Amino acid sequence: MSHARYYHAGCPVCVEAERSLLPLLDTGKVDVEVVHLGQQPERVAEAEQAGVQSVPALVVDGQVLHLNFGATLAALK
């Protein structure tokens, strides 16, 4: 099974991307986790290690897809 982790900060751009994109993923084939970095700031380092530079971003099996430039990770620290 593939693993997808959606990192966001709760801004309107991030929320809309989550509402639009995540329902398209087949949860029978993809384990989806949503990480709200505004509420879980301790996970910013994890996002950085995964290659995330800005949010919203979707990381699927180690591949980073930056969806839109909402905020840099530095701004979330």
Protein backbone atom coordinates (compact mmCIF):
# COMPACT_ATOMS: atom_id res chain seq x y z
CA MET A 1 0.00 0.00 0.00
CA SER A 2 1.22 3.50 -0.81
CA HIS A 3 1.43 6.18 1.85
CA ALA A 4 0.38 9.79 1.27
CA ARG A 5 0.95 12.56 3.79
CA TYR A 6 -0.76 15.91 3.18
CA TYR A 7 0.99 18.78 4.98
CA HIS A 8 -0.84 22.06 5.43
CA ALA A 9 -1.15 25.06 7.71
CA GLY A 10 -4.92 25.50 7.80
CA CYS A 11 -5.09 28.51 5.47
CA PRO A 12 -7.94 28.76 2.92
CA VAL A 13 -5.64 27.62 0.07
CA CYS A 14 -4.59 24.55 2.07
CA VAL A 15 -8.14 23.67 3.12
CA GLU A 16 -9.46 23.99 -0.45
CA ALA A 17 -6.63 21.83 -1.81
CA GLU A 18 -7.44 19.20 0.83
CA ARG A 19 -11.15 19.25 -0.05
CA SER A 20 -10.44 19.04 -3.78
CA LEU A 21 -7.53 16.62 -3.94
CA LEU A 22 -7.71 14.09 -1.14
CA PRO A 23 -11.11 12.62 -2.10
CA LEU A 24 -9.56 11.65 -5.43
CA LEU A 25 -7.14 9.25 -3.73
CA ASP A 26 -8.22 5.61 -3.53
CA THR A 27 -8.02 4.86 0.20
CA GLY A 28 -8.05 1.16 -0.65
CA LYS A 29 -4.64 1.64 -2.25
CA VAL A 30 -3.29 4.71 -0.45
CA ASP A 31 -2.97 5.26 3.28
CA VAL A 32 -3.70 9.00 3.67
CA GLU A 33 -2.57 11.09 6.62
CA VAL A 34 -3.34 14.80 7.04
CA VAL A 35 -0.80 16.81 9.03
CA HIS A 36 -1.89 20.31 10.12
CA LEU A 37 1.44 21.99 10.86
CA GLY A 38 -0.28 24.92 12.54
CA GLN A 39 -1.65 22.53 15.15
CA GLN A 40 1.33 20.14 15.10
CA PRO A 41 4.40 22.41 14.85
CA GLU A 42 6.61 19.60 16.21
CA ARG A 43 6.18 17.91 12.80
CA VAL A 44 7.72 20.76 10.77
CA ALA A 45 11.15 19.07 10.96
CA GLU A 46 9.59 15.85 9.63
CA ALA A 47 8.11 17.77 6.69
CA GLU A 48 11.49 19.37 5.98
CA GLN A 49 13.19 15.96 6.01
CA ALA A 50 10.59 14.71 3.52
CA GLY A 51 11.56 17.56 1.15
CA VAL A 52 8.59 19.85 1.75
CA GLN A 53 9.51 23.50 1.19
CA SER A 54 6.07 25.09 1.38
CA VAL A 55 2.50 24.12 2.14
CA PRO A 56 0.18 22.78 0.97
CA ALA A 57 2.20 19.77 -0.12
CA LEU A 58 1.43 16.12 -0.69
CA VAL A 59 4.15 13.53 -0.14
CA VAL A 60 3.39 10.17 -1.74
CA ASP A 61 5.88 7.36 -1.21
CA GLY A 62 8.68 9.89 -0.73
CA GLN A 63 7.81 12.05 -3.74
CA VAL A 64 6.86 15.65 -2.92
CA LEU A 65 4.17 17.50 -4.81
CA HIS A 66 3.98 21.20 -3.92
CA LEU A 67 0.38 22.13 -4.70
CA ASN A 68 0.42 25.89 -4.30
CA PHE A 69 2.63 28.37 -2.54
CA GLY A 70 0.75 29.06 0.67
CA ALA A 71 3.51 29.43 3.26
CA THR A 72 7.11 28.40 3.63
CA LEU A 73 8.04 25.97 6.37
CA ALA A 74 10.30 28.67 7.82
CA ALA A 75 7.21 30.82 8.39
CA LEU A 76 5.64 28.00 10.40
CA LYS A 77 8.53 27.67 12.85
